[in-house]
Amino acid sequence: MNSKTTSLLGAALVLALALTGCGSGSSGSAGSSGSSGSTGGAGATAAYDPDATIEVGSLYEPQNLDNTAGGGQGVTEAFNGNVYEGLFRLTDDGKVEDLLAKDHTVSKDGLTYTFTLRDGVKFHSGKPLTSADVKYSIEKVIGPDSQSARKSSLTVIKSIETPDDSTVKVKLASKSISLVYNLSYVWIINSQAKNLTTTEDGTGPYTLGEWKRGSTLTLERFPGYWGTPATNKQVVFHYFTDATALNNALLTKAVDVVTSEQSPDALANFENNADYKINNGKSTTKLLLAFNDRKAPFDKVLVRKAITSAIDNKKLLSSIWGDYGTLIGSMVPPTDPWYEDLTSVNPYDPNLAKQELAQAGYANGFSFTLDTPNYDPHPTVATFVKSELAKVGITVNINVITADQWYTKVYKNHDFAATLQEHVNDRDVVWYGNPDFYWGYDNPQVTKWVDEAEQSDTAEAQTELLKKVNQQIAADAASDWLYLYPQIVVASSSLSGYPVNGLNSQFYAYGIKKSGGRG
């Protein structure tokens, strides 16, 4: 089994590629009178300490504190919903709810969205929230220097108007049924704030306390919060570089909860132990063997199908995660509305793989270089892939690279034949409709379906079209979707109200309650 260490990209691609996993949503969500999403832990009726400090263990320290400047997965985990809020919130079960927007309307032609802001919201600096801040925040995401995962999804925005302090009008170049969903990823920031890579000025239930790089990041309950106050006084994220140290911290009660367990072997320490609870949530993180579909021989569908059928994904998943994780056969996790189990499209069958290679003109196989990120589980997966493909006559040369090198070589310059990478976001099958994306998949029919889906009038029509996209990319073996990560949250039994699902790296902490009797 392997532990997964943090990485720039496992952070940034966990980028728009997810371009990478912890839960979102929690009970008694801040700013809301109700509860939404799945939560872990004991029942909320138990007595809890409102002045407790919640000690959170994580492998994902931020690169910086600005999610439009390459802050990565860590800043999303710590800040999204906790320090910064959007017009809307994505709950732990994938629903979109109003947050800083108290309501909105859409014009008949679907090209103008009018948002009305919630009253009485103030930034941590004390400045009242206005429409100018919303305009600034959206434009920051779609600006030329932005590294936001949602940048390309929001380029459909043609203009933003602020007729008064409480109203924002967003005009689109074309219809976008996903606009509200995509806006849930846009943090609303004080337009006058400076130095956002090291400081913050959000509207969330916590303010930034102290960030000790390489060690901890502390959040403090914000007394001037507009909504329901956080159920705890302080949250401290403790950062570790390997899963063993992280698990030891939980066992010694130095931390109360691990946001995403990456060492399945260690779970035996917590099983049948009344002091802990293991939560097997829903993940959106896919591990891909991504081909450069622009380059021979991966420009041939039969070659890609052959490779997919030559690799025993079930055996691979078991070797890494034991009984955890899921095979899905596509880019779409079960939490997406357009999910279908497509594992049978390219089944594990080495004889079929050999036949497809022969039909593609590679009866004697071929060789290629697999660019492999240097953090777990990629090197182990690369070795497994090499062994499997050797059985059908394909030689794999493994080239281990850093996350920074991956970002430049593979993602930006498309200088690769095949690579391994995680993609964390839900609803990211649409990337296969973009021929310019790093893997270079180019099927005009898929691009057309993706475009039509985004301009759909109803969610049902969107779902029908994206199911077609999912089926087609599987038929084309556009990539080999090796497996869907599990989302395992391990926590002290004294905690309740923590998120358990792995939607887009979020970890809402404001609903976590800690009962007496432990640290």
Protein backbone atom coordinates (compact mmCIF):
# COMPACT_ATOMS: atom_id res chain seq x y z
CA MET A 1 0.00 0.00 0.00
CA ASN A 2 1.14 3.52 -0.55
CA SER A 3 0.76 6.92 1.00
CA LYS A 4 0.25 9.93 -1.20
CA THR A 5 2.31 12.99 -0.42
CA THR A 6 1.28 16.50 -1.29
CA SER A 7 2.17 18.09 -4.59
CA LEU A 8 1.80 21.33 -6.45
CA LEU A 9 -0.42 19.72 -8.94
CA GLY A 10 -2.09 17.17 -6.95
CA ALA A 11 -3.08 20.60 -5.99
CA ALA A 12 -3.51 22.65 -9.06
CA LEU A 13 -4.95 19.88 -11.14
CA VAL A 14 -6.11 19.20 -9.21
CA LEU A 15 -6.22 22.67 -11.28
CA ALA A 16 -9.13 22.69 -13.66
CA LEU A 17 -8.32 19.42 -14.28
CA ALA A 18 -9.17 19.37 -10.96
CA LEU A 19 -6.56 20.84 -12.53
CA THR A 20 -7.01 17.51 -7.02
CA GLY A 21 -9.81 15.81 -2.32
CA CYS A 22 -11.60 16.45 0.71
CA GLY A 23 -15.24 16.94 1.49
CA SER A 24 -17.52 19.85 1.17
CA GLY A 25 -20.56 20.83 3.08
CA SER A 26 -21.45 20.10 6.66
CA SER A 27 -24.31 20.25 9.04
CA GLY A 28 -25.65 23.56 10.19
CA SER A 29 -23.81 25.26 7.39
CA ALA A 30 -22.63 28.76 8.14
CA GLY A 31 -24.90 31.39 6.73
CA SER A 32 -27.78 28.95 6.53
CA SER A 33 -30.55 28.03 8.90
CA GLY A 34 -30.67 24.45 7.67
CA SER A 35 -28.23 21.61 7.28
CA SER A 36 -27.15 20.05 4.05
CA GLY A 37 -24.81 17.39 2.84
CA SER A 38 -23.45 14.30 4.52
CA THR A 39 -21.61 14.65 7.80
CA GLY A 40 -19.69 12.25 9.94
CA GLY A 41 -19.42 11.62 13.63
CA ALA A 42 -21.79 11.20 16.52
CA GLY A 43 -25.23 12.68 16.73
CA ALA A 44 -25.39 16.45 16.93
CA THR A 45 -27.56 16.28 20.06
CA ALA A 46 -24.60 15.39 22.27
CA ALA A 47 -23.16 18.19 24.42
CA TYR A 48 -20.23 19.93 22.80
CA ASP A 49 -17.72 22.61 23.66
CA PRO A 50 -18.44 25.86 21.72
CA ASP A 51 -14.93 27.08 22.52
CA ALA A 52 -13.16 23.94 21.32
CA THR A 53 -10.15 23.88 19.03
CA ILE A 54 -10.48 21.39 16.19
CA GLU A 55 -7.12 19.87 15.25
CA VAL A 56 -7.16 18.83 11.59
CA GLY A 57 -4.49 16.64 10.00
CA SER A 58 -3.79 17.08 6.30
CA LEU A 59 -1.22 16.31 3.60
CA TYR A 60 -2.15 19.41 1.61
CA GLU A 61 -0.46 22.59 2.75
CA PRO A 62 -1.28 25.63 0.59
CA GLN A 63 1.31 26.87 -1.88
CA ASN A 64 -0.02 30.34 -1.11
CA LEU A 65 -3.38 31.75 0.03
CA ASP A 66 -4.75 32.89 -3.33
CA ASN A 67 -6.75 30.35 -5.32
CA THR A 68 -6.25 32.37 -8.50
CA ALA A 69 -2.45 32.39 -8.06
CA GLY A 70 -1.65 28.70 -7.81
CA GLY A 71 -2.53 28.27 -4.14
CA GLY A 72 -3.43 24.67 -4.90
CA GLN A 73 -5.55 22.07 -3.16
CA GLY A 74 -4.41 23.09 0.30
CA VAL A 75 -5.81 26.61 0.17
CA THR A 76 -9.13 25.28 -1.13
CA GLU A 77 -9.28 22.76 1.69
CA ALA A 78 -8.59 25.33 4.40
CA PHE A 79 -10.24 28.49 3.02
CA ASN A 80 -13.18 27.52 0.81
CA GLY A 81 -16.39 28.16 2.78
CA ASN A 82 -14.37 28.72 5.94
CA VAL A 83 -12.60 32.01 5.20
CA TYR A 84 -14.02 32.88 1.78
CA GLU A 85 -17.55 32.38 0.49
CA GLY A 86 -19.17 32.50 -2.93
CA LEU A 87 -22.50 33.69 -4.20
CA PHE A 88 -23.43 30.01 -3.94
CA ARG A 89 -22.18 26.99 -2.01
CA LEU A 90 -21.61 23.43 -3.19
CA THR A 91 -22.87 21.10 -0.47
CA ASP A 92 -21.29 17.81 0.56
CA ASP A 93 -23.79 15.89 -1.58
CA GLY A 94 -23.14 18.02 -4.67
CA LYS A 95 -26.12 20.39 -4.55
CA VAL A 96 -25.81 24.13 -5.14
CA GLU A 97 -27.35 26.46 -2.55
CA ASP A 98 -27.65 30.23 -2.17
CA LEU A 99 -24.99 31.80 0.03
CA LEU A 100 -23.99 35.46 -0.48
CA ALA A 101 -26.65 35.69 -3.18
CA LYS A 102 -30.08 35.66 -1.55
CA ASP A 103 -31.76 35.13 -4.92
CA HIS A 104 -31.26 35.45 -8.65
CA THR A 105 -33.25 35.68 -11.88
CA VAL A 106 -32.49 34.64 -15.44
CA SER A 107 -33.70 36.44 -18.55
CA LYS A 108 -35.92 34.59 -21.02
CA ASP A 109 -33.07 34.23 -23.52
CA GLY A 110 -30.82 32.81 -20.80
CA LEU A 111 -28.13 35.43 -21.41
CA THR A 112 -28.57 37.72 -18.40
CA TYR A 113 -28.35 36.66 -14.76
CA THR A 114 -29.31 39.16 -12.07
CA PHE A 115 -28.07 38.44 -8.56
CA THR A 116 -29.34 40.14 -5.42
CA LEU A 117 -26.85 40.14 -2.57
CA ARG A 118 -27.60 39.24 1.02
CA ASP A 119 -27.91 42.18 3.41
CA GLY A 120 -25.60 42.82 6.35
CA VAL A 121 -22.54 40.96 5.09
CA LYS A 122 -19.16 42.36 6.08
CA PHE A 123 -15.62 41.38 5.22
CA HIS A 124 -13.23 40.51 8.00
CA SER A 125 -11.75 43.99 7.66
CA GLY A 126 -15.17 45.46 8.45
CA LYS A 127 -15.95 46.73 4.96
CA PRO A 128 -19.55 45.97 3.84
CA LEU A 129 -19.98 43.61 0.89
CA THR A 130 -21.12 45.37 -2.29
CA SER A 131 -21.72 44.44 -5.89
CA ALA A 132 -18.36 46.01 -6.78
CA ASP A 133 -16.63 43.29 -4.76
CA VAL A 134 -18.52 40.58 -6.63
CA LYS A 135 -17.59 42.11 -9.98
CA TYR A 136 -13.96 42.36 -8.92
CA SER A 137 -13.88 38.76 -7.69
CA ILE A 138 -15.33 37.28 -10.87
CA GLU A 139 -13.04 39.37 -13.06
CA LYS A 140 -10.08 38.25 -10.96
CA VAL A 141 -10.92 34.61 -11.76
CA ILE A 142 -11.22 35.18 -15.51
CA GLY A 143 -8.35 37.69 -15.77
CA PRO A 144 -5.23 37.06 -17.89
CA ASP A 145 -3.04 36.18 -14.90
CA SER A 146 -5.54 33.87 -13.23
CA GLN A 147 -4.61 30.26 -12.55
CA SER A 148 -8.13 29.42 -11.38
CA ALA A 149 -9.54 26.01 -12.22
CA ARG A 150 -12.78 27.70 -13.30
CA LYS A 151 -11.26 30.33 -15.56
CA SER A 152 -12.18 28.73 -18.86
CA SER A 153 -15.65 27.77 -17.60
CA LEU A 154 -16.44 31.42 -16.98
CA THR A 155 -15.08 32.94 -20.19
CA VAL A 156 -18.67 32.85 -21.45
CA ILE A 157 -19.18 36.01 -19.34
CA LYS A 158 -19.36 39.03 -21.66
CA SER A 159 -19.86 41.81 -19.10
CA ILE A 160 -20.68 42.48 -15.46
CA GLU A 161 -22.79 45.44 -14.37
CA THR A 162 -23.43 46.82 -10.88
CA PRO A 163 -26.58 49.00 -11.05
CA ASP A 164 -26.53 49.40 -7.26
CA ASP A 165 -24.62 48.07 -4.26
CA SER A 166 -26.88 45.05 -3.87
CA THR A 167 -27.34 44.02 -7.51
CA VAL A 168 -25.03 42.30 -9.97
CA LYS A 169 -25.97 41.74 -13.62
CA VAL A 170 -23.91 39.17 -15.50
CA LYS A 171 -24.34 39.10 -19.27
CA LEU A 172 -23.22 36.06 -21.25
CA ALA A 173 -22.00 35.60 -24.80
CA SER A 174 -23.95 32.34 -24.94
CA LYS A 175 -26.22 30.36 -22.62
CA SER A 176 -24.54 28.57 -19.73
CA ILE A 177 -26.67 26.20 -17.67
CA SER A 178 -23.65 25.63 -15.40
CA LEU A 179 -23.10 29.30 -14.54
CA VAL A 180 -24.53 29.13 -11.03
CA TYR A 181 -22.64 25.91 -10.34
CA ASN A 182 -19.40 27.45 -11.62
CA LEU A 183 -19.95 30.59 -9.54
CA SER A 184 -19.96 28.42 -6.42
CA TYR A 185 -16.20 28.15 -7.00
CA VAL A 186 -15.63 31.92 -7.11
CA TRP A 187 -14.53 33.37 -3.77
CA ILE A 188 -15.91 36.83 -3.09
CA ILE A 189 -13.00 39.00 -2.01
CA ASN A 190 -12.78 42.59 -0.81
CA SER A 191 -11.92 44.52 -3.94
CA GLN A 192 -9.57 46.72 -1.89
CA ALA A 193 -7.62 43.85 -0.33
CA LYS A 194 -3.88 43.52 -0.98
CA ASN A 195 -1.23 40.79 -0.60
CA LEU A 196 -3.73 37.96 -0.90
CA THR A 197 -1.05 35.30 -1.29
CA THR A 198 -0.17 35.77 2.40
CA THR A 199 -3.27 37.46 3.89
CA GLU A 200 -7.05 37.31 3.39
CA ASP A 201 -10.19 39.41 3.54
CA GLY A 202 -13.21 37.19 3.12
CA THR A 203 -16.73 37.05 4.51
CA GLY A 204 -16.59 33.54 6.00
CA PRO A 205 -17.14 32.28 9.55
CA TYR A 206 -13.38 32.23 10.22
CA THR A 207 -10.53 34.66 9.88
CA LEU A 208 -6.92 33.65 9.29
CA GLY A 209 -4.97 33.37 12.51
CA GLU A 210 -1.35 32.38 12.01
CA TRP A 211 0.22 30.42 9.16
CA LYS A 212 3.45 28.70 10.13
CA ARG A 213 4.72 27.44 6.80
CA GLY A 214 5.59 23.79 6.85
CA SER A 215 3.68 23.25 10.07
CA THR A 216 0.24 24.70 10.80
CA LEU A 217 -2.45 27.10 9.61
CA THR A 218 -4.92 28.46 12.19
CA LEU A 219 -8.44 29.75 11.63
CA GLU A 220 -10.23 31.85 14.29
CA ARG A 221 -14.00 32.22 14.66
CA PHE A 222 -15.07 35.59 13.24
CA PRO A 223 -17.26 37.44 15.78
CA GLY A 224 -18.80 39.67 13.10
CA TYR A 225 -19.97 36.83 10.86
CA TRP A 226 -23.28 37.54 9.11
CA GLY A 227 -24.66 34.02 9.44
CA THR A 228 -24.74 31.20 11.96
CA PRO A 229 -21.46 31.32 13.92
CA ALA A 230 -19.03 28.43 13.68
CA THR A 231 -19.71 25.71 16.25
CA ASN A 232 -16.08 25.80 17.39
CA LYS A 233 -13.76 28.64 18.32
CA GLN A 234 -10.65 27.65 16.41
CA VAL A 235 -9.45 25.25 13.73
CA VAL A 236 -5.80 24.32 13.32
CA PHE A 237 -4.66 22.52 10.16
CA HIS A 238 -1.54 20.46 10.86
CA TYR A 239 0.47 19.62 7.74
CA PHE A 240 2.40 16.42 7.18
CA THR A 241 4.53 15.21 4.30
CA ASP A 242 3.67 11.52 4.60
CA ALA A 243 0.68 9.49 5.66
CA THR A 244 2.50 7.54 8.38
CA ALA A 245 3.28 10.67 10.36
CA LEU A 246 -0.27 11.87 9.82
CA ASN A 247 -1.75 8.64 11.19
CA ASN A 248 0.62 8.69 14.15
CA ALA A 249 -0.63 12.18 14.98
CA LEU A 250 -4.20 10.87 15.05
CA LEU A 251 -3.25 7.88 17.16
CA THR A 252 -1.44 10.08 19.69
CA LYS A 253 -4.39 12.53 19.70
CA ALA A 254 -2.30 15.38 18.32
CA VAL A 255 -5.04 15.79 15.70
CA ASP A 256 -8.76 15.07 15.87
CA VAL A 257 -9.52 14.27 12.25
CA VAL A 258 -7.68 13.29 9.05
CA THR A 259 -9.29 14.94 6.04
CA SER A 260 -8.33 12.24 3.55
CA GLU A 261 -6.74 8.95 4.59
CA GLN A 262 -3.97 7.95 2.18
CA SER A 263 -2.53 4.89 3.93
CA PRO A 264 -5.09 2.06 3.85
CA ASP A 265 -2.77 -0.26 5.79
CA ALA A 266 -3.06 2.09 8.75
CA LEU A 267 -6.82 1.71 9.01
CA ALA A 268 -6.39 -1.40 11.13
CA ASN A 269 -5.21 0.91 13.91
CA PHE A 270 -8.62 2.59 13.99
CA GLU A 271 -10.97 -0.30 13.27
CA ASN A 272 -12.88 -1.76 16.22
CA ASN A 273 -11.56 1.12 18.33
CA ALA A 274 -14.22 3.12 20.17
CA ASP A 275 -12.00 6.20 20.16
CA TYR A 276 -12.25 6.60 16.38
CA LYS A 277 -14.70 6.48 13.52
CA ILE A 278 -13.81 5.54 9.92
CA ASN A 279 -16.03 7.24 7.32
CA ASN A 280 -16.00 5.87 3.77
CA GLY A 281 -17.33 8.85 1.81
CA LYS A 282 -17.72 9.61 -1.86
CA SER A 283 -14.75 10.84 -3.84
CA THR A 284 -14.52 12.71 -7.14
CA THR A 285 -10.77 12.10 -7.62
CA LYS A 286 -9.95 9.99 -10.66
CA LEU A 287 -6.53 8.49 -11.35
CA LEU A 288 -5.85 8.64 -15.09
CA LEU A 289 -3.42 7.09 -17.48
CA ALA A 290 -3.72 9.97 -19.90
CA PHE A 291 -2.54 9.58 -23.48
CA ASN A 292 -1.39 12.38 -25.76
CA ASP A 293 -4.03 11.66 -28.37
CA ARG A 294 -2.24 13.95 -30.84
CA LYS A 295 0.80 11.69 -31.11
CA ALA A 296 1.28 8.27 -32.69
CA PRO A 297 0.48 5.63 -31.75
CA PHE A 298 -2.02 7.14 -29.32
CA ASP A 299 -3.83 8.91 -32.13
CA LYS A 300 -5.34 5.49 -32.93
CA VAL A 301 -8.46 4.49 -31.00
CA LEU A 302 -7.58 0.78 -31.18
CA VAL A 303 -4.20 1.38 -29.56
CA ARG A 304 -5.78 3.24 -26.67
CA LYS A 305 -8.44 0.55 -26.29
CA ALA A 306 -5.77 -2.14 -26.35
CA ILE A 307 -3.80 -0.50 -23.57
CA THR A 308 -6.94 -0.09 -21.48
CA SER A 309 -7.84 -3.76 -21.89
CA ALA A 310 -4.28 -4.86 -21.13
CA ILE A 311 -4.26 -3.32 -17.63
CA ASP A 312 -6.03 -5.11 -14.78
CA ASN A 313 -7.50 -2.07 -13.04
CA LYS A 314 -9.24 -4.20 -10.42
CA LYS A 315 -5.94 -5.76 -9.38
CA LEU A 316 -4.28 -2.35 -9.38
CA LEU A 317 -6.96 -0.80 -7.19
CA SER A 318 -6.78 -3.69 -4.74
CA SER A 319 -3.00 -3.48 -4.53
CA ILE A 320 -3.16 0.22 -3.67
CA TRP A 321 -6.40 0.53 -1.68
CA GLY A 322 -7.46 -2.95 -0.63
CA ASP A 323 -11.24 -3.05 -0.37
CA TYR A 324 -11.64 0.69 -0.87
CA GLY A 325 -12.09 2.72 -4.06
CA THR A 326 -14.22 2.20 -7.16
CA LEU A 327 -13.81 1.23 -10.81
CA ILE A 328 -15.90 3.48 -13.07
CA GLY A 329 -14.54 3.04 -16.60
CA SER A 330 -14.91 6.73 -17.38
CA MET A 331 -14.24 10.29 -16.22
CA VAL A 332 -17.59 10.53 -14.44
CA PRO A 333 -17.91 9.65 -10.74
CA PRO A 334 -21.21 8.33 -9.33
CA THR A 335 -21.94 11.72 -7.73
CA ASP A 336 -22.28 13.39 -11.16
CA PRO A 337 -25.83 13.49 -12.60
CA TRP A 338 -24.66 11.86 -15.85
CA TYR A 339 -22.86 8.90 -14.30
CA GLU A 340 -23.06 5.43 -15.84
CA ASP A 341 -20.98 2.35 -15.03
CA LEU A 342 -18.88 1.94 -18.17
CA THR A 343 -16.33 -0.57 -16.88
CA SER A 344 -17.49 -3.13 -19.47
CA VAL A 345 -16.73 -0.93 -22.49
CA ASN A 346 -13.01 -1.74 -22.45
CA PRO A 347 -12.83 -4.86 -20.23
CA TYR A 348 -9.65 -6.34 -18.89
CA ASP A 349 -8.75 -8.91 -21.55
CA PRO A 350 -5.11 -9.30 -22.65
CA ASN A 351 -6.12 -11.43 -25.66
CA LEU A 352 -8.49 -8.70 -26.83
CA ALA A 353 -5.69 -6.18 -26.31
CA LYS A 354 -3.36 -8.19 -28.57
CA GLN A 355 -6.04 -8.44 -31.25
CA GLU A 356 -6.65 -4.68 -31.16
CA LEU A 357 -2.93 -3.95 -31.36
CA ALA A 358 -2.66 -6.18 -34.43
CA GLN A 359 -5.65 -4.50 -36.07
CA ALA A 360 -4.02 -1.13 -35.40
CA GLY A 361 -0.81 -2.24 -37.10
CA TYR A 362 1.21 -2.92 -33.95
CA ALA A 363 1.19 -6.72 -33.77
CA ASN A 364 4.77 -6.62 -32.47
CA GLY A 365 4.00 -3.91 -29.95
CA PHE A 366 5.85 -0.60 -29.53
CA SER A 367 7.58 1.41 -26.83
CA PHE A 368 6.73 4.74 -25.20
CA THR A 369 7.78 6.94 -22.29
CA LEU A 370 5.41 7.32 -19.36
CA ASP A 371 5.94 10.66 -17.55
CA THR A 372 5.21 9.87 -13.91
CA PRO A 373 4.80 12.33 -11.02
CA ASN A 374 7.21 11.52 -8.20
CA TYR A 375 4.64 11.39 -5.39
CA ASP A 376 2.64 8.32 -4.38
CA PRO A 377 0.90 6.38 -5.72
CA HIS A 378 2.18 7.28 -9.19
CA PRO A 379 5.59 5.53 -9.17
CA THR A 380 3.95 2.32 -7.93
CA VAL A 381 1.17 2.60 -10.49
CA ALA A 382 3.70 3.24 -13.26
CA THR A 383 5.57 0.06 -12.36
CA PHE A 384 2.32 -1.91 -12.42
CA VAL A 385 1.35 -0.47 -15.81
CA LYS A 386 4.78 -1.30 -17.21
CA SER A 387 4.45 -4.91 -16.07
CA GLU A 388 0.94 -5.31 -17.47
CA LEU A 389 1.75 -3.80 -20.88
CA ALA A 390 4.88 -5.94 -21.24
CA LYS A 391 2.56 -8.95 -21.36
CA VAL A 392 1.08 -7.70 -24.65
CA GLY A 393 4.39 -6.62 -26.17
CA ILE A 394 4.44 -2.94 -25.21
CA THR A 395 7.59 -1.54 -23.61
CA VAL A 396 7.16 1.28 -21.11
CA ASN A 397 10.02 3.58 -20.16
CA ILE A 398 9.19 5.31 -16.88
CA ASN A 399 10.30 8.94 -16.55
CA VAL A 400 9.79 10.23 -13.01
CA ILE A 401 9.28 13.99 -12.79
CA THR A 402 8.35 16.53 -10.13
CA ALA A 403 4.99 18.23 -9.94
CA ASP A 404 6.50 21.46 -11.25
CA GLN A 405 8.03 19.62 -14.19
CA TRP A 406 4.73 17.89 -14.87
CA TYR A 407 2.88 21.19 -14.99
CA THR A 408 5.33 22.70 -17.49
CA LYS A 409 6.18 19.65 -19.60
CA VAL A 410 2.83 17.92 -19.77
CA TYR A 411 0.08 20.37 -18.93
CA LYS A 412 1.43 23.53 -20.53
CA ASN A 413 3.71 22.31 -23.33
CA HIS A 414 1.96 18.99 -24.18
CA ASP A 415 5.43 17.46 -24.46
CA PHE A 416 4.62 13.86 -23.57
CA ALA A 417 3.36 10.55 -24.92
CA ALA A 418 1.46 9.33 -21.86
CA THR A 419 1.29 10.33 -18.22
CA LEU A 420 -0.33 9.57 -14.88
CA GLN A 421 -2.33 12.21 -13.05
CA GLU A 422 -5.21 12.73 -10.65
CA HIS A 423 -8.23 14.85 -11.52
CA VAL A 424 -10.28 15.87 -8.52
CA ASN A 425 -13.25 17.91 -9.69
CA ASP A 426 -16.75 16.66 -10.21
CA ARG A 427 -18.45 17.43 -13.55
CA ASP A 428 -15.10 17.63 -15.34
CA VAL A 429 -15.95 15.29 -18.22
CA VAL A 430 -16.45 18.48 -20.25
CA TRP A 431 -12.68 18.78 -20.65
CA TYR A 432 -12.92 16.11 -23.35
CA GLY A 433 -14.82 18.65 -25.42
CA ASN A 434 -11.74 20.89 -25.52
CA PRO A 435 -9.23 19.74 -28.20
CA ASP A 436 -6.63 22.14 -26.77
CA PHE A 437 -6.59 20.46 -23.37
CA TYR A 438 -3.34 18.73 -22.46
CA TRP A 439 -4.40 15.25 -23.57
CA GLY A 440 -5.43 16.46 -27.04
CA TYR A 441 -8.58 14.37 -27.46
CA ASP A 442 -10.38 15.77 -30.50
CA ASN A 443 -13.77 14.36 -31.45
CA PRO A 444 -15.94 17.05 -33.10
CA GLN A 445 -19.13 15.23 -32.10
CA VAL A 446 -18.08 15.25 -28.44
CA THR A 447 -17.18 18.94 -28.63
CA LYS A 448 -20.59 19.63 -30.14
CA TRP A 449 -22.39 17.67 -27.41
CA VAL A 450 -20.44 19.48 -24.67
CA ASP A 451 -21.33 22.85 -26.18
CA GLU A 452 -24.98 21.90 -26.59
CA ALA A 453 -25.13 20.55 -23.05
CA GLU A 454 -23.89 23.85 -21.65
CA GLN A 455 -26.55 25.72 -23.60
CA SER A 456 -29.35 23.36 -22.55
CA ASP A 457 -32.59 24.78 -21.20
CA THR A 458 -33.02 22.03 -18.62
CA ALA A 459 -30.86 19.86 -16.38
CA GLU A 460 -32.47 16.80 -17.99
CA ALA A 461 -31.33 17.84 -21.45
CA GLN A 462 -27.83 18.58 -20.14
CA THR A 463 -27.67 15.18 -18.48
CA GLU A 464 -28.76 13.36 -21.63
CA LEU A 465 -26.06 15.03 -23.71
CA LEU A 466 -23.27 14.52 -21.18
CA LYS A 467 -24.19 10.85 -20.91
CA LYS A 468 -23.51 10.66 -24.64
CA VAL A 469 -20.17 12.38 -24.09
CA ASN A 470 -19.28 9.91 -21.37
CA GLN A 471 -20.23 6.93 -23.53
CA GLN A 472 -18.27 8.24 -26.52
CA ILE A 473 -15.03 8.98 -24.68
CA ALA A 474 -15.21 5.48 -23.20
CA ALA A 475 -15.79 3.97 -26.66
CA ASP A 476 -12.79 5.96 -27.90
CA ALA A 477 -10.71 5.10 -24.81
CA ALA A 478 -9.78 8.77 -24.72
CA SER A 479 -7.86 7.98 -21.52
CA ASP A 480 -7.63 4.98 -19.23
CA TRP A 481 -9.52 5.88 -16.05
CA LEU A 482 -7.68 3.53 -13.72
CA TYR A 483 -9.86 4.00 -10.65
CA LEU A 484 -11.81 6.42 -8.49
CA TYR A 485 -10.11 7.17 -5.21
CA PRO A 486 -11.91 6.36 -2.00
CA GLN A 487 -12.62 9.24 0.39
CA ILE A 488 -11.75 7.97 3.84
CA VAL A 489 -12.12 10.43 6.70
CA VAL A 490 -10.90 9.14 10.07
CA ALA A 491 -11.88 11.11 13.16
CA SER A 492 -11.99 11.03 16.90
CA SER A 493 -15.31 9.73 18.18
CA SER A 494 -15.61 13.01 20.08
CA LEU A 495 -16.24 14.86 16.82
CA SER A 496 -19.45 15.30 14.84
CA GLY A 497 -20.53 17.47 11.94
CA TYR A 498 -17.45 17.07 9.76
CA PRO A 499 -17.72 16.55 5.98
CA VAL A 500 -17.12 13.02 4.70
CA ASN A 501 -17.26 13.32 0.91
CA GLY A 502 -14.46 14.27 -1.43
CA LEU A 503 -15.94 17.00 -3.61
CA ASN A 504 -13.30 19.29 -5.04
CA SER A 505 -10.97 19.49 -2.05
CA GLN A 506 -13.40 21.35 0.22
CA PHE A 507 -13.38 20.73 3.98
CA TYR A 508 -16.03 22.83 5.67
CA ALA A 509 -14.98 23.07 9.33
CA TYR A 510 -17.60 25.45 10.70
CA GLY A 511 -20.10 22.73 11.58
CA ILE A 512 -17.66 20.51 13.48
CA LYS A 513 -18.55 19.91 17.11
CA LYS A 514 -16.26 18.49 19.76
CA SER A 515 -17.64 16.88 22.87
CA GLY A 516 -15.88 16.89 26.22
CA GLY A 517 -13.49 14.27 27.45
CA ARG A 518 -10.76 14.63 24.89
CA GLY A 519 -8.05 17.22 24.36
